[in-house]
Amino acid sequence: MPTPKSAEVNEAERRIGNVLAELEGRTGSDVQGISLEELVDTDPATGRPAVHKGVEITVTPRPQRRWVR
């Protein structure tokens, strides 16, 4: 049985949607996919390896519309 979303999750989805819409507007492309990744990097505070979350966004350019006279 699915669990209901919390208000925090709904707010996060709304904010992410706004960021993706802004990205599409500035780049003239369409967002095709978004995925969450775990990346291993060196923690600058300790110098030891640490796992960080990262986001992969896939976009495709929109076709340029040219009017034929």
N, C-alpha and C. Protein backbone atom coordinates (compact mmCIF):
# COMPACT_ATOMS: atom_id res chain seq x y z
N MET A 1 0.84 -1.17 0.00
CA MET A 1 0.00 0.00 0.00
C MET A 1 0.89 1.24 0.00
N PRO A 2 0.70 2.17 -0.94
CA PRO A 2 1.55 3.37 -0.99
C PRO A 2 1.30 4.27 0.21
N THR A 3 2.36 4.90 0.67
CA THR A 3 2.24 5.83 1.79
C THR A 3 2.01 7.23 1.25
N PRO A 4 1.23 8.05 1.96
CA PRO A 4 1.00 9.42 1.48
C PRO A 4 2.27 10.24 1.59
N LYS A 5 2.42 11.18 0.67
CA LYS A 5 3.60 12.06 0.67
C LYS A 5 3.45 13.11 1.76
N SER A 6 4.56 13.44 2.36
CA SER A 6 4.53 14.49 3.36
C SER A 6 4.58 15.86 2.67
N ALA A 7 4.27 16.89 3.43
CA ALA A 7 4.31 18.25 2.90
C ALA A 7 5.72 18.61 2.46
N GLU A 8 6.73 18.11 3.16
CA GLU A 8 8.12 18.41 2.80
C GLU A 8 8.48 17.81 1.44
N VAL A 9 8.00 16.59 1.17
CA VAL A 9 8.27 15.95 -0.12
C VAL A 9 7.57 16.72 -1.24
N ASN A 10 6.33 17.09 -1.02
CA ASN A 10 5.60 17.87 -2.03
C ASN A 10 6.30 19.20 -2.31
N GLU A 11 6.77 19.87 -1.27
CA GLU A 11 7.48 21.14 -1.45
C GLU A 11 8.78 20.93 -2.21
N ALA A 12 9.52 19.87 -1.90
CA ALA A 12 10.78 19.57 -2.60
C ALA A 12 10.52 19.30 -4.08
N GLU A 13 9.47 18.54 -4.39
CA GLU A 13 9.15 18.25 -5.78
C GLU A 13 8.78 19.54 -6.53
N ARG A 14 8.05 20.44 -5.88
CA ARG A 14 7.68 21.71 -6.51
C ARG A 14 8.92 22.54 -6.79
N ARG A 15 9.85 22.61 -5.82
CA ARG A 15 11.06 23.40 -6.01
C ARG A 15 11.95 22.81 -7.10
N ILE A 16 12.08 21.50 -7.14
CA ILE A 16 12.88 20.85 -8.18
C ILE A 16 12.26 21.09 -9.55
N GLY A 17 10.94 21.02 -9.63
CA GLY A 17 10.24 21.30 -10.89
C GLY A 17 10.51 22.71 -11.38
N ASN A 18 10.53 23.67 -10.45
CA ASN A 18 10.82 25.06 -10.83
C ASN A 18 12.25 25.21 -11.35
N VAL A 19 13.20 24.53 -10.72
CA VAL A 19 14.60 24.59 -11.17
C VAL A 19 14.73 23.98 -12.57
N LEU A 20 14.06 22.86 -12.80
CA LEU A 20 14.13 22.22 -14.11
C LEU A 20 13.47 23.08 -15.18
N ALA A 21 12.36 23.73 -14.86
CA ALA A 21 11.70 24.63 -15.82
C ALA A 21 12.61 25.81 -16.16
N GLU A 22 13.30 26.35 -15.15
CA GLU A 22 14.24 27.44 -15.39
C GLU A 22 15.39 26.99 -16.28
N LEU A 23 15.90 25.78 -16.04
CA LEU A 23 16.98 25.22 -16.87
C LEU A 23 16.52 25.09 -18.32
N GLU A 24 15.32 24.59 -18.53
CA GLU A 24 14.79 24.46 -19.89
C GLU A 24 14.67 25.82 -20.57
N GLY A 25 14.21 26.81 -19.83
CA GLY A 25 14.05 28.15 -20.41
C GLY A 25 15.37 28.79 -20.78
N ARG A 26 16.38 28.63 -19.92
CA ARG A 26 17.68 29.26 -20.20
C ARG A 26 18.45 28.55 -21.29
N THR A 27 18.29 27.23 -21.43
CA THR A 27 19.09 26.49 -22.39
C THR A 27 18.36 26.17 -23.68
N GLY A 28 17.05 26.40 -23.73
CA GLY A 28 16.30 26.06 -24.94
C GLY A 28 16.26 24.57 -25.19
N SER A 29 16.22 23.78 -24.13
CA SER A 29 16.21 22.33 -24.26
C SER A 29 15.09 21.75 -23.41
N ASP A 30 14.86 20.45 -23.58
CA ASP A 30 13.86 19.74 -22.80
C ASP A 30 14.56 18.75 -21.87
N VAL A 31 14.16 18.72 -20.62
CA VAL A 31 14.71 17.75 -19.67
C VAL A 31 14.09 16.40 -19.97
N GLN A 32 14.93 15.42 -20.25
CA GLN A 32 14.46 14.08 -20.57
C GLN A 32 14.51 13.14 -19.37
N GLY A 33 15.43 13.39 -18.46
CA GLY A 33 15.55 12.50 -17.32
C GLY A 33 16.36 13.13 -16.21
N ILE A 34 16.12 12.65 -15.01
CA ILE A 34 16.87 13.09 -13.85
C ILE A 34 17.08 11.87 -12.97
N SER A 35 18.31 11.71 -12.48
CA SER A 35 18.60 10.56 -11.64
C SER A 35 19.52 10.96 -10.50
N LEU A 36 19.37 10.27 -9.40
CA LEU A 36 20.18 10.51 -8.22
C LEU A 36 21.33 9.51 -8.21
N GLU A 37 22.55 9.99 -7.96
CA GLU A 37 23.73 9.14 -7.94
C GLU A 37 24.49 9.33 -6.64
N GLU A 38 25.18 8.30 -6.23
CA GLU A 38 26.09 8.41 -5.09
C GLU A 38 27.51 8.45 -5.63
N LEU A 39 28.26 9.47 -5.22
CA LEU A 39 29.61 9.69 -5.70
C LEU A 39 30.58 9.56 -4.54
N VAL A 40 31.70 8.92 -4.76
CA VAL A 40 32.74 8.83 -3.75
C VAL A 40 33.77 9.91 -4.06
N ASP A 41 34.02 10.76 -3.07
CA ASP A 41 34.96 11.86 -3.23
C ASP A 41 35.72 12.01 -1.92
N THR A 42 36.79 12.75 -1.95
CA THR A 42 37.57 13.00 -0.74
C THR A 42 36.93 14.12 0.06
N ASP A 43 36.69 13.85 1.34
CA ASP A 43 36.13 14.87 2.23
C ASP A 43 37.25 15.84 2.56
N PRO A 44 37.10 17.13 2.21
CA PRO A 44 38.18 18.09 2.45
C PRO A 44 38.50 18.29 3.93
N ALA A 45 37.55 18.07 4.80
CA ALA A 45 37.78 18.27 6.23
C ALA A 45 38.63 17.17 6.83
N THR A 46 38.42 15.93 6.36
CA THR A 46 39.14 14.79 6.96
C THR A 46 40.20 14.20 6.05
N GLY A 47 40.09 14.43 4.75
CA GLY A 47 41.02 13.83 3.81
C GLY A 47 40.70 12.37 3.51
N ARG A 48 39.59 11.88 4.02
CA ARG A 48 39.20 10.49 3.82
C ARG A 48 38.08 10.41 2.78
N PRO A 49 37.92 9.25 2.16
CA PRO A 49 36.83 9.10 1.20
C PRO A 49 35.46 9.26 1.88
N ALA A 50 34.53 9.86 1.16
CA ALA A 50 33.18 10.05 1.66
C ALA A 50 32.20 9.92 0.49
N VAL A 51 31.00 9.45 0.79
CA VAL A 51 29.96 9.30 -0.22
C VAL A 51 29.10 10.56 -0.22
N HIS A 52 28.91 11.13 -1.40
CA HIS A 52 28.09 12.33 -1.58
C HIS A 52 27.00 12.03 -2.59
N LYS A 53 25.89 12.71 -2.48
CA LYS A 53 24.79 12.57 -3.44
C LYS A 53 25.04 13.52 -4.60
N GLY A 54 24.73 13.06 -5.79
CA GLY A 54 24.84 13.88 -6.99
C GLY A 54 23.62 13.68 -7.86
N VAL A 55 23.39 14.60 -8.76
CA VAL A 55 22.23 14.54 -9.66
C VAL A 55 22.73 14.54 -11.10
N GLU A 56 22.20 13.65 -11.91
CA GLU A 56 22.48 13.58 -13.34
C GLU A 56 21.23 14.04 -14.07
N ILE A 57 21.35 15.10 -14.89
CA ILE A 57 20.21 15.61 -15.65
C ILE A 57 20.51 15.42 -17.13
N THR A 58 19.58 14.78 -17.83
CA THR A 58 19.72 14.56 -19.27
C THR A 58 18.78 15.50 -20.01
N VAL A 59 19.34 16.27 -20.94
CA VAL A 59 18.54 17.21 -21.73
C VAL A 59 18.75 16.95 -23.21
N THR A 60 17.75 17.32 -24.00
CA THR A 60 17.88 17.28 -25.46
C THR A 60 17.50 18.66 -25.99
N PRO A 61 18.24 19.14 -26.98
CA PRO A 61 17.93 20.46 -27.53
C PRO A 61 16.58 20.45 -28.25
N ARG A 62 15.88 21.56 -28.14
CA ARG A 62 14.62 21.71 -28.87
C ARG A 62 14.95 22.03 -30.33
N PRO A 63 14.17 21.50 -31.25
CA PRO A 63 14.41 21.85 -32.66
C PRO A 63 14.11 23.32 -32.90
N GLN A 64 14.95 23.95 -33.70
CA GLN A 64 14.74 25.35 -34.04
C GLN A 64 13.64 25.45 -35.08
N ARG A 65 12.68 26.30 -34.81
CA ARG A 65 11.58 26.49 -35.76
C ARG A 65 11.92 27.63 -36.70
N ARG A 66 11.84 27.34 -37.96
CA ARG A 66 12.11 28.36 -38.98
C ARG A 66 10.90 28.42 -39.89
N TRP A 67 10.41 29.62 -40.06
CA TRP A 67 9.23 29.81 -40.91
C TRP A 67 9.68 29.94 -42.36
N VAL A 68 9.02 29.20 -43.21
CA VAL A 68 9.31 29.24 -44.64
C VAL A 68 8.37 30.26 -45.27
N ARG A 69 8.94 31.16 -46.08
CA ARG A 69 8.12 32.18 -46.75
C ARG A 69 7.76 31.77 -48.12
